[in-house]
C-alpha atoms as a PDB file:
ATOM      1  CA  MET A   1      59.848 -59.817  26.903  1.00  0.00           C
ATOM      2  CA  ASP A   2      60.453 -60.030  23.215  1.00  0.00           C
ATOM      3  CA  GLU A   3      56.717 -60.287  22.526  1.00  0.00           C
ATOM      4  CA  GLU A   4      55.949 -57.256  24.691  1.00  0.00           C
ATOM      5  CA  ASN A   5      58.621 -55.202  22.961  1.00  0.00           C
ATOM      6  CA  ALA A   6      57.269 -56.250  19.590  1.00  0.00           C
ATOM      7  CA  ARG A   7      53.750 -55.187  20.539  1.00  0.00           C
ATOM      8  CA  GLN A   8      55.031 -51.847  21.779  1.00  0.00           C
ATOM      9  CA  VAL A   9      56.908 -51.223  18.550  1.00  0.00           C
ATOM     10  CA  VAL A  10      53.801 -52.104  16.469  1.00  0.00           C
ATOM     11  CA  ALA A  11      51.617 -49.773  18.555  1.00  0.00           C
ATOM     12  CA  GLU A  12      54.072 -46.918  18.084  1.00  0.00           C
ATOM     13  CA  THR A  13      54.225 -47.420  14.333  1.00  0.00           C
ATOM     14  CA  LYS A  14      50.394 -47.318  13.877  1.00  0.00           C
ATOM     15  CA  ALA A  15      48.880 -44.337  12.064  1.00  0.00           C
ATOM     16  CA  PRO A  16      47.709 -41.545  14.354  1.00  0.00           C
ATOM     17  CA  SER A  17      43.991 -41.330  15.148  1.00  0.00           C
ATOM     18  CA  THR A  18      41.844 -39.168  12.805  1.00  0.00           C
ATOM     19  CA  THR A  19      38.851 -38.897  15.123  1.00  0.00           C
ATOM     20  CA  LYS A  20      39.546 -35.351  16.288  1.00  0.00           C
ATOM     21  CA  PRO A  21      40.175 -33.869  12.800  1.00  0.00           C
ATOM     22  CA  ARG A  22      36.939 -35.393  11.512  1.00  0.00           C
ATOM     23  CA  ARG A  23      35.010 -33.888  14.365  1.00  0.00           C
ATOM     24  CA  ARG A  24      36.530 -30.498  13.604  1.00  0.00           C
ATOM     25  CA  VAL A  25      35.472 -30.771   9.945  1.00  0.00           C
ATOM     26  CA  ARG A  26      31.894 -31.594  10.974  1.00  0.00           C
ATOM     27  CA  TRP A  27      31.733 -28.623  13.312  1.00  0.00           C
ATOM     28  CA  ARG A  28      33.061 -26.339  10.615  1.00  0.00           C
ATOM     29  CA  ARG A  29      30.341 -27.508   8.233  1.00  0.00           C
ATOM     30  CA  ARG A  30      27.699 -26.936  10.873  1.00  0.00           C
ATOM     31  CA  VAL A  31      28.966 -23.426  11.532  1.00  0.00           C
ATOM     32  CA  ILE A  32      28.928 -22.656   7.808  1.00  0.00           C
ATOM     33  CA  TRP A  33      25.347 -23.899   7.408  1.00  0.00           C
ATOM     34  CA  LEU A  34      24.267 -21.992  10.498  1.00  0.00           C
ATOM     35  CA  PHE A  35      25.799 -18.833   9.051  1.00  0.00           C
ATOM     36  CA  LEU A  36      24.019 -19.350   5.741  1.00  0.00           C
ATOM     37  CA  LEU A  37      20.672 -19.884   7.471  1.00  0.00           C
ATOM     38  CA  THR A  38      20.952 -16.896   9.806  1.00  0.00           C
ATOM     39  CA  ILE A  39      22.593 -14.439   7.400  1.00  0.00           C
ATOM     40  CA  GLY A  40      22.096 -15.765   3.886  1.00  0.00           C
ATOM     41  CA  LEU A  41      18.330 -16.359   3.991  1.00  0.00           C
ATOM     42  CA  PRO A  42      17.471 -12.858   5.286  1.00  0.00           C
ATOM     43  CA  VAL A  43      19.684 -11.335   2.597  1.00  0.00           C
ATOM     44  CA  VAL A  44      17.942 -13.389  -0.085  1.00  0.00           C
ATOM     45  CA  PHE A  45      14.561 -12.395   1.384  1.00  0.00           C
ATOM     46  CA  VAL A  46      15.424  -8.685   1.262  1.00  0.00           C
ATOM     47  CA  ILE A  47      16.691  -8.948  -2.313  1.00  0.00           C
ATOM     48  CA  TYR A  48      13.528 -10.808  -3.338  1.00  0.00           C
ATOM     49  CA  ILE A  49      11.346  -8.001  -1.958  1.00  0.00           C
ATOM     50  CA  GLN A  50      13.360  -5.342  -3.788  1.00  0.00           C
ATOM     51  CA  LEU A  51      12.993  -7.217  -7.079  1.00  0.00           C
ATOM     52  CA  ALA A  52       9.286  -7.937  -6.507  1.00  0.00           C
ATOM     53  CA  ILE A  53       8.558  -4.237  -6.032  1.00  0.00           C
ATOM     54  CA  LYS A  54      10.760  -3.271  -8.957  1.00  0.00           C
ATOM     55  CA  PHE A  55       9.085  -5.662 -11.406  1.00  0.00           C
ATOM     56  CA  GLY A  56       5.625  -5.140  -9.909  1.00  0.00           C
ATOM     57  CA  SER A  57       5.742  -1.437 -10.764  1.00  0.00           C
ATOM     58  CA  ALA A  58       7.371  -1.855 -14.166  1.00  0.00           C
ATOM     59  CA  GLY A  59       5.651   0.042 -16.972  1.00  0.00           C
ATOM     60  CA  LYS A  60       3.645   2.262 -14.611  1.00  0.00           C
ATOM     61  CA  GLY A  61       6.214   4.916 -13.821  1.00  0.00           C
ATOM     62  CA  PHE A  62       7.094   7.783 -16.166  1.00  0.00           C
ATOM     63  CA  SER A  63       9.834  10.385 -16.157  1.00  0.00           C
ATOM     64  CA  ARG A  64       8.503  12.528 -19.047  1.00  0.00           C
ATOM     65  CA  VAL A  65       5.241  14.445 -19.056  1.00  0.00           C
ATOM     66  CA  VAL A  66       4.568  13.644 -22.724  1.00  0.00           C
ATOM     67  CA  ASP A  67       4.379   9.916 -21.897  1.00  0.00           C
ATOM     68  CA  ILE A  68       1.344  10.418 -19.644  1.00  0.00           C
ATOM     69  CA  GLN A  69      -1.972  10.107 -21.460  1.00  0.00           C
ATOM     70  CA  GLY A  70      -5.236  11.736 -20.374  1.00  0.00           C
ATOM     71  CA  THR A  71      -6.008  13.709 -17.222  1.00  0.00           C
ATOM     72  CA  HIS A  72      -5.803  12.301 -13.730  1.00  0.00           C
ATOM     73  CA  ILE A  73      -6.231  13.001 -10.055  1.00  0.00           C
ATOM     74  CA  GLY A  74      -2.778  13.567  -8.611  1.00  0.00           C
ATOM     75  CA  LEU A  75      -1.579  12.178  -5.287  1.00  0.00           C
ATOM     76  CA  VAL A  76       1.494  13.934  -3.915  1.00  0.00           C
ATOM     77  CA  PHE A  77       3.354  12.309  -1.021  1.00  0.00           C
ATOM     78  CA  GLY A  78       4.404  14.693   1.682  1.00  0.00           C
ATOM     79  CA  CYS A  79       7.635  15.532   3.432  1.00  0.00           C
ATOM     80  CA  ASP A  80       8.931  18.539   5.316  1.00  0.00           C
ATOM     81  CA  ASP A  81      10.026  21.561   3.314  1.00  0.00           C
ATOM     82  CA  LYS A  82      13.154  21.988   5.457  1.00  0.00           C
ATOM     83  CA  PHE A  83      15.961  19.619   6.372  1.00  0.00           C
ATOM     84  CA  GLU A  84      18.577  20.741   8.873  1.00  0.00           C
ATOM     85  CA  ASN A  85      17.632  24.391   8.291  1.00  0.00           C
ATOM     86  CA  ARG A  86      18.049  24.007   4.536  1.00  0.00           C
ATOM     87  CA  ASP A  87      15.575  23.583   1.702  1.00  0.00           C
ATOM     88  CA  ASN A  88      14.522  19.957   1.374  1.00  0.00           C
ATOM     89  CA  LEU A  89      15.200  19.031  -2.244  1.00  0.00           C
ATOM     90  CA  TYR A  90      12.759  16.112  -2.115  1.00  0.00           C
ATOM     91  CA  PHE A  91       9.982  18.581  -1.263  1.00  0.00           C
ATOM     92  CA  LYS A  92      11.072  21.105  -3.902  1.00  0.00           C
ATOM     93  CA  TYR A  93      11.320  18.578  -6.724  1.00  0.00           C
ATOM     94  CA  ARG A  94       7.917  17.047  -5.913  1.00  0.00           C
ATOM     95  CA  MET A  95       6.248  20.453  -5.990  1.00  0.00           C
ATOM     96  CA  ASP A  96       7.996  21.300  -9.269  1.00  0.00           C
ATOM     97  CA  ALA A  97       6.851  18.010 -10.811  1.00  0.00           C
ATOM     98  CA  THR A  98       3.248  18.566  -9.706  1.00  0.00           C
ATOM     99  CA  ALA A  99       3.185  22.089 -11.120  1.00  0.00           C
ATOM    100  CA  GLU A 100       4.685  20.820 -14.368  1.00  0.00           C
ATOM    101  CA  LEU A 101       1.925  18.227 -14.720  1.00  0.00           C
ATOM    102  CA  TRP A 102      -0.763  20.807 -13.928  1.00  0.00           C
ATOM    103  CA  HIS A 103       0.430  23.331 -16.498  1.00  0.00           C
ATOM    104  CA  ALA A 104       0.687  20.525 -19.077  1.00  0.00           C
ATOM    105  CA  GLY A 105      -3.015  19.728 -18.563  1.00  0.00           C
ATOM    106  CA  LYS A 106      -2.426  16.282 -17.051  1.00  0.00           C
ATOM    107  CA  LEU A 107      -4.219  16.892 -13.738  1.00  0.00           C
ATOM    108  CA  ARG A 108      -7.846  17.577 -12.844  1.00  0.00           C
ATOM    109  CA  GLY A 109      -6.911  18.164  -9.240  1.00  0.00           C
ATOM    110  CA  VAL A 110      -4.359  17.270  -6.599  1.00  0.00           C
ATOM    111  CA  ILE A 111      -4.508  15.471  -3.254  1.00  0.00           C
ATOM    112  CA  VAL A 112      -1.581  16.507  -1.058  1.00  0.00           C
ATOM    113  CA  SER A 113      -1.158  13.810   1.569  1.00  0.00           C
ATOM    114  CA  GLY A 114       1.122  14.199   4.549  1.00  0.00           C
ATOM    115  CA  ASP A 115       1.634  14.200   8.302  1.00  0.00           C
ATOM    116  CA  ASN A 116      -0.239  16.537  10.639  1.00  0.00           C
ATOM    117  CA  ARG A 117      -0.060  14.667  13.946  1.00  0.00           C
ATOM    118  CA  VAL A 118       0.935  17.773  15.875  1.00  0.00           C
ATOM    119  CA  ALA A 119      -0.286  21.333  15.548  1.00  0.00           C
ATOM    120  CA  ASP A 120       3.055  22.889  14.568  1.00  0.00           C
ATOM    121  CA  TYR A 121       3.878  20.303  11.888  1.00  0.00           C
ATOM    122  CA  ASN A 122       1.623  20.390   8.836  1.00  0.00           C
ATOM    123  CA  GLU A 123       2.987  18.864   5.634  1.00  0.00           C
ATOM    124  CA  PRO A 124      -0.245  19.175   3.562  1.00  0.00           C
ATOM    125  CA  GLN A 125      -0.572  22.915   4.193  1.00  0.00           C
ATOM    126  CA  LYS A 126       3.060  23.496   3.247  1.00  0.00           C
ATOM    127  CA  MET A 127       2.508  21.592   0.018  1.00  0.00           C
ATOM    128  CA  ARG A 128      -0.685  23.532  -0.718  1.00  0.00           C
ATOM    129  CA  GLN A 129       1.096  26.867  -0.265  1.00  0.00           C
ATOM    130  CA  ALA A 130       4.026  25.759  -2.418  1.00  0.00           C
ATOM    131  CA  LEU A 131       1.715  24.627  -5.242  1.00  0.00           C
ATOM    132  CA  ILE A 132      -0.282  27.864  -5.132  1.00  0.00           C
ATOM    133  CA  LEU A 133       2.967  29.804  -5.532  1.00  0.00           C
ATOM    134  CA  ARG A 134       3.685  27.645  -8.582  1.00  0.00           C
ATOM    135  CA  GLY A 135       0.348  28.500 -10.221  1.00  0.00           C
ATOM    136  CA  VAL A 136      -1.914  25.600  -9.184  1.00  0.00           C
ATOM    137  CA  PRO A 137      -5.397  26.953  -8.249  1.00  0.00           C
ATOM    138  CA  ASP A 138      -6.290  26.680  -4.572  1.00  0.00           C
ATOM    139  CA  GLU A 139      -9.697  25.127  -5.316  1.00  0.00           C
ATOM    140  CA  LYS A 140      -7.995  22.272  -7.169  1.00  0.00           C
ATOM    141  CA  ILE A 141      -5.982  21.204  -4.118  1.00  0.00           C
ATOM    142  CA  VAL A 142      -7.352  18.906  -1.384  1.00  0.00           C
ATOM    143  CA  CYS A 143      -5.388  18.227   1.806  1.00  0.00           C
ATOM    144  CA  ASP A 144      -5.155  14.791   3.368  1.00  0.00           C
ATOM    145  CA  TYR A 145      -3.936  15.377   6.903  1.00  0.00           C
ATOM    146  CA  ALA A 146      -3.700  11.685   7.848  1.00  0.00           C
ATOM    147  CA  GLY A 147      -1.112  10.526   5.310  1.00  0.00           C
ATOM    148  CA  LEU A 148       1.248   9.340   8.015  1.00  0.00           C
ATOM    149  CA  ARG A 149       2.890   6.753   5.759  1.00  0.00           C
ATOM    150  CA  THR A 150       2.870   5.824   2.097  1.00  0.00           C
ATOM    151  CA  LEU A 151       0.447   2.985   2.834  1.00  0.00           C
ATOM    152  CA  ASP A 152      -1.936   5.362   4.630  1.00  0.00           C
ATOM    153  CA  SER A 153      -1.856   7.863   1.762  1.00  0.00           C
ATOM    154  CA  VAL A 154      -2.575   5.258  -0.924  1.00  0.00           C
ATOM    155  CA  VAL A 155      -5.326   3.386   0.923  1.00  0.00           C
ATOM    156  CA  ARG A 156      -7.015   6.595   2.081  1.00  0.00           C
ATOM    157  CA  CYS A 157      -7.018   7.811  -1.519  1.00  0.00           C
ATOM    158  CA  GLN A 158      -9.217   4.827  -2.333  1.00  0.00           C
ATOM    159  CA  LYS A 159     -11.363   4.435   0.790  1.00  0.00           C
ATOM    160  CA  VAL A 160     -11.756   8.055   1.906  1.00  0.00           C
ATOM    161  CA  PHE A 161     -11.492  10.065  -1.313  1.00  0.00           C
ATOM    162  CA  GLY A 162     -13.180   7.373  -3.403  1.00  0.00           C
ATOM    163  CA  THR A 163     -10.828   7.190  -6.358  1.00  0.00           C
ATOM    164  CA  ASN A 164      -9.239   4.039  -7.766  1.00  0.00           C
ATOM    165  CA  GLN A 165      -7.461   5.838 -10.613  1.00  0.00           C
ATOM    166  CA  VAL A 166      -4.645   8.072  -9.467  1.00  0.00           C
ATOM    167  CA  LEU A 167      -1.395   9.597 -10.696  1.00  0.00           C
ATOM    168  CA  MET A 168       1.211   9.425  -7.927  1.00  0.00           C
ATOM    169  CA  ILE A 169       3.913  12.075  -7.741  1.00  0.00           C
ATOM    170  CA  SER A 170       7.171  11.554  -5.882  1.00  0.00           C
ATOM    171  CA  GLN A 171      10.686  10.269  -6.434  1.00  0.00           C
ATOM    172  CA  GLN A 172      11.020   6.938  -8.213  1.00  0.00           C
ATOM    173  CA  PHE A 173      11.929   4.868  -5.139  1.00  0.00           C
ATOM    174  CA  GLN A 174       8.745   5.907  -3.323  1.00  0.00           C
ATOM    175  CA  ASN A 175       6.574   5.702  -6.431  1.00  0.00           C
ATOM    176  CA  GLU A 176       7.560   2.068  -6.966  1.00  0.00           C
ATOM    177  CA  ARG A 177       6.561   1.197  -3.423  1.00  0.00           C
ATOM    178  CA  ALA A 178       3.300   3.150  -3.729  1.00  0.00           C
ATOM    179  CA  ILE A 179       2.368   1.406  -6.993  1.00  0.00           C
ATOM    180  CA  TYR A 180       2.964  -1.969  -5.342  1.00  0.00           C
ATOM    181  CA  ILE A 181       0.564  -0.997  -2.545  1.00  0.00           C
ATOM    182  CA  ALA A 182      -2.004   0.274  -5.048  1.00  0.00           C
ATOM    183  CA  ASN A 183      -1.812  -2.946  -7.072  1.00  0.00           C
ATOM    184  CA  ASP A 184      -2.401  -4.963  -3.918  1.00  0.00           C
ATOM    185  CA  HIS A 185      -5.595  -2.965  -3.247  1.00  0.00           C
ATOM    186  CA  GLY A 186      -6.912  -3.251  -6.796  1.00  0.00           C
ATOM    187  CA  MET A 187      -6.228   0.347  -7.797  1.00  0.00           C
ATOM    188  CA  ASP A 188      -5.353   1.575 -11.279  1.00  0.00           C
ATOM    189  CA  ALA A 189      -2.330   3.711 -10.477  1.00  0.00           C
ATOM    190  CA  ILE A 190       0.516   5.216 -12.456  1.00  0.00           C
ATOM    191  CA  ALA A 191       3.313   7.493 -11.291  1.00  0.00           C
ATOM    192  CA  TYR A 192       5.338  10.477 -12.416  1.00  0.00           C
ATOM    193  CA  HIS A 193       8.905  10.487 -11.161  1.00  0.00           C
ATOM    194  CA  ALA A 194      10.146  13.775  -9.785  1.00  0.00           C
ATOM    195  CA  VAL A 195      13.820  14.617 -10.036  1.00  0.00           C
ATOM    196  CA  ASP A 196      15.756  12.564  -7.501  1.00  0.00           C
ATOM    197  CA  VAL A 197      18.308  13.871  -5.042  1.00  0.00           C
ATOM    198  CA  GLY A 198      21.936  13.008  -5.758  1.00  0.00           C
ATOM    199  CA  LEU A 199      23.655  10.119  -4.040  1.00  0.00           C
ATOM    200  CA  ARG A 200      25.575  12.368  -1.677  1.00  0.00           C
ATOM    201  CA  GLY A 201      22.468  14.097  -0.349  1.00  0.00           C
ATOM    202  CA  GLY A 202      20.101  11.123  -0.555  1.00  0.00           C
ATOM    203  CA  LEU A 203      22.272   8.202   0.547  1.00  0.00           C
ATOM    204  CA  ARG A 204      20.582   7.950   3.935  1.00  0.00           C
ATOM    205  CA  THR A 205      17.154   7.954   2.307  1.00  0.00           C
ATOM    206  CA  LYS A 206      18.180   5.255  -0.178  1.00  0.00           C
ATOM    207  CA  LEU A 207      19.443   2.996   2.605  1.00  0.00           C
ATOM    208  CA  ARG A 208      16.295   3.572   4.646  1.00  0.00           C
ATOM    209  CA  GLU A 209      14.191   2.647   1.618  1.00  0.00           C
ATOM    210  CA  TRP A 210      15.408  -0.965   1.807  1.00  0.00           C
ATOM    211  CA  GLY A 211      13.943  -1.289   5.290  1.00  0.00           C
ATOM    212  CA  ALA A 212      10.783   0.568   4.296  1.00  0.00           C
ATOM    213  CA  ARG A 213      10.133  -1.930   1.499  1.00  0.00           C
ATOM    214  CA  VAL A 214      10.540  -4.896   3.827  1.00  0.00           C
ATOM    215  CA  LYS A 215       8.155  -3.266   6.317  1.00  0.00           C
ATOM    216  CA  MET A 216       5.651  -2.575   3.541  1.00  0.00           C
ATOM    217  CA  TRP A 217       5.787  -6.194   2.302  1.00  0.00           C
ATOM    218  CA  LEU A 218       5.138  -7.497   5.819  1.00  0.00           C
ATOM    219  CA  ASP A 219       2.262  -5.019   6.254  1.00  0.00           C
ATOM    220  CA  LEU A 220       0.589  -6.297   3.085  1.00  0.00           C
ATOM    221  CA  ARG A 221       1.379 -10.002   3.137  1.00  0.00           C
ATOM    222  CA  VAL A 222       1.584 -10.873   6.837  1.00  0.00           C
ATOM    223  CA  LEU A 223       0.207  -8.189   9.155  1.00  0.00           C
ATOM    224  CA  ASN A 224      -2.663  -6.879   6.969  1.00  0.00           C
ATOM    225  CA  THR A 225      -1.977  -3.388   8.292  1.00  0.00           C
ATOM    226  CA  GLN A 226      -4.644  -0.732   7.731  1.00  0.00           C
ATOM    227  CA  PRO A 227      -4.322   3.071   7.849  1.00  0.00           C
ATOM    228  CA  LYS A 228      -4.249   4.521  11.328  1.00  0.00           C
ATOM    229  CA  HIS A 229      -7.087   6.901  10.466  1.00  0.00           C
ATOM    230  CA  LEU A 230      -9.882   6.433   7.899  1.00  0.00           C
ATOM    231  CA  GLY A 231     -13.040   8.377   8.672  1.00  0.00           C
ATOM    232  CA  PRO A 232     -16.002   9.358   6.445  1.00  0.00           C
ATOM    233  CA  GLN A 233     -15.749   9.594   2.683  1.00  0.00           C
ATOM    234  CA  VAL A 234     -14.855  12.929   1.115  1.00  0.00           C
ATOM    235  CA  ILE A 235     -16.216  14.036  -2.259  1.00  0.00           C
ATOM    236  CA  LEU A 236     -13.479  15.704  -4.266  1.00  0.00           C
ATOM    237  CA  PRO A 237     -14.582  19.140  -5.533  1.00  0.00           C
ATOM    238  CA  PHE A 238     -12.838  18.703  -8.890  1.00  0.00           C
ATOM    239  CA  TRP A 239     -14.739  15.574  -9.885  1.00  0.00           C
ATOM    240  CA  GLY A 240     -16.802  16.092 -13.004  1.00  0.00           C
ATOM    241  CA  LYS A 241     -20.611  16.037 -12.892  1.00  0.00           C
ATOM    242  CA  ASN A 242     -20.735  12.708 -14.705  1.00  0.00           C
ATOM    243  CA  ARG A 243     -18.395  11.150 -12.167  1.00  0.00           C
ATOM    244  CA  LEU A 244     -20.507  12.436  -9.290  1.00  0.00           C
ATOM    245  CA  LYS A 245     -23.657  11.079 -10.909  1.00  0.00           C
ATOM    246  CA  GLN A 246     -22.035   7.690 -11.413  1.00  0.00           C
ATOM    247  CA  ARG A 247     -20.898   7.581  -7.805  1.00  0.00           C
ATOM    248  CA  ASN A 248     -24.340   8.591  -6.492  1.00  0.00           C
ATOM    249  CA  ARG A 249     -25.932   5.969  -8.734  1.00  0.00           C
ATOM    250  CA  ARG A 250     -23.622   3.267  -7.402  1.00  0.00           C
ATOM    251  CA  GLN A 251     -24.309   4.291  -3.807  1.00  0.00           C
ATOM    252  CA  THR A 252     -28.072   4.252  -4.427  1.00  0.00           C
ATOM    253  CA  SER A 253     -27.919   0.821  -6.059  1.00  0.00           C
ATOM    254  CA  ALA A 254     -25.865  -0.532  -3.184  1.00  0.00           C
ATOM    255  CA  SER A 255     -28.320   0.876  -0.644  1.00  0.00           C
ATOM    256  CA  VAL A 256     -31.312  -0.637  -2.448  1.00  0.00           C
ATOM    257  CA  ALA A 257     -29.622  -4.010  -2.747  1.00  0.00           C
ATOM    258  CA  PHE A 258     -28.729  -3.972   0.923  1.00  0.00           C
ATOM    259  CA  PHE A 259     -32.330  -3.073   1.864  1.00  0.00           C
ATOM    260  CA  PHE A 260     -33.817  -6.006  -0.032  1.00  0.00           C
ATOM    261  CA  TRP A 261     -31.156  -8.333   1.366  1.00  0.00           C
ATOM    262  CA  TRP A 262     -32.035  -7.203   4.875  1.00  0.00           C
ATOM    263  CA  LEU A 263     -35.734  -7.556   4.077  1.00  0.00           C
ATOM    264  CA  LEU A 264     -35.325 -11.210   3.080  1.00  0.00           C
ATOM    265  CA  ARG A 265     -33.046 -12.031   5.989  1.00  0.00           C
ATOM    266  CA  SER A 266     -35.013 -10.212   8.628  1.00  0.00           C
ATOM    267  CA  ASN A 267     -36.766 -12.300  11.287  1.00  0.00           C
ATOM    268  CA  LYS A 268     -39.714  -9.998  11.024  1.00  0.00           C
ATOM    269  CA  TYR A 269     -40.558 -10.932   7.450  1.00  0.00           C
ATOM    270  CA  GLY A 270     -38.792 -14.259   6.974  1.00  0.00           C
ATOM    271  CA  ARG A 271     -37.579 -17.210   8.992  1.00  0.00           C
ATOM    272  CA  HIS A 272     -33.985 -18.406   8.995  1.00  0.00           C
ATOM    273  CA  GLY A 273     -33.153 -16.504   5.847  1.00  0.00           C
ATOM    274  CA  SER A 274     -36.010 -18.052   3.839  1.00  0.00           C
ATOM    275  CA  THR A 275     -37.295 -16.080   0.885  1.00  0.00           C
ATOM    276  CA  LYS A 276     -40.872 -17.024   1.833  1.00  0.00           C
ATOM    277  CA  THR A 277     -42.285 -14.010   3.656  1.00  0.00           C
ATOM    278  CA  ASP A 278     -45.571 -13.072   5.289  1.00  0.00           C
ATOM    279  CA  LEU A 279     -45.920  -9.797   3.428  1.00  0.00           C
ATOM    280  CA  VAL A 280     -49.112 -11.071   1.774  1.00  0.00           C
ATOM    281  CA  SER A 281     -51.844 -11.069   4.404  1.00  0.00           C
ATOM    282  CA  PHE A 282     -54.621 -12.399   2.166  1.00  0.00           C
ATOM    283  CA  SER A 283     -55.066 -15.615   0.212  1.00  0.00           C
ATOM    284  CA  VAL A 284     -57.555 -16.520  -2.466  1.00  0.00           C
ATOM    285  CA  ARG A 285     -59.934 -19.435  -1.906  1.00  0.00           C
ATOM    286  CA  ALA A 286     -61.071 -21.731  -4.622  1.00  0.00           C
ATOM    287  CA  ASP A 287     -64.315 -19.815  -4.997  1.00  0.00           C
ATOM    288  CA  GLY A 288     -62.493 -16.566  -5.524  1.00  0.00           C
ATOM    289  CA  ALA A 289     -63.213 -15.035  -2.128  1.00  0.00           C
ATOM    290  CA  ARG A 290     -60.372 -13.420  -0.244  1.00  0.00           C
ATOM    291  CA  THR A 291     -59.749 -14.537   3.285  1.00  0.00           C
ATOM    292  CA  LYS A 292     -57.331 -13.074   5.737  1.00  0.00           C
ATOM    293  CA  LYS A 293     -54.441 -15.337   6.638  1.00  0.00           C
ATOM    294  CA  LYS A 294     -53.663 -16.038  10.216  1.00  0.00           C
ATOM    295  CA  PRO A 295     -50.365 -14.384  11.025  1.00  0.00           C
ATOM    296  CA  LYS A 296     -47.482 -16.616  11.991  1.00  0.00           C
ATOM    297  CA  ILE A 297     -45.984 -16.177  15.425  1.00  0.00           C
END
């Protein structure tokens, strides 16, 4: 009995088990790591995209007209002229900036690019009318009715209107995103920043811009998204004669090069892409007489 009592006393005086607290600590660590992976990594990813666009457009955006050298083709990004039955300040400031550049002699012409998916909503025509009222000649304005998004407007400027050098006109947040798209497509683009809307009136737009930049990055780097509408090329009426001649010369050279490439690759004149063709139907014998070659079948 004494031995049993002694064992019982020893068992009661032993330190309590630490198994359960250790398990709780491990689960807490796992929850913390899971939180960091599910919340922290996306936050870091979003911040990285914002910084990449910010630094990628550095040095190509200007807020003063005097800092812009030479004359350019302007690309104005569209929006509606009204917002909740009031004047849309984004629209007004973009039109003012475009007119300021025109009267300062910085523009040869303007492409107004916006949405016209439905008949009663026409951003390009509203921009054209607003610029005419501000003194920009009608013949110097070209409408792009398929500028559904910033990506569409920039890529169509290159592939449809045939210009790689462009001066973009909008607020700074959109210009930075547009320059990033232009850089990705090998364009030589700069931007003029229109007056921005104050924080109180533009807070919703600023918050939406974070998502728009993530979407743009995925379109360029992952999805390889193309404009919804392309179509045939359009020759801008305000191109100079030298520019038109250069473009026609490039198109002619490309057509000639393609013709000779097709000629060498064609099964009719060559076999399996060989440069040896049967265009010559005569050969010269040793005695100088010409004999007709037997055609190959």
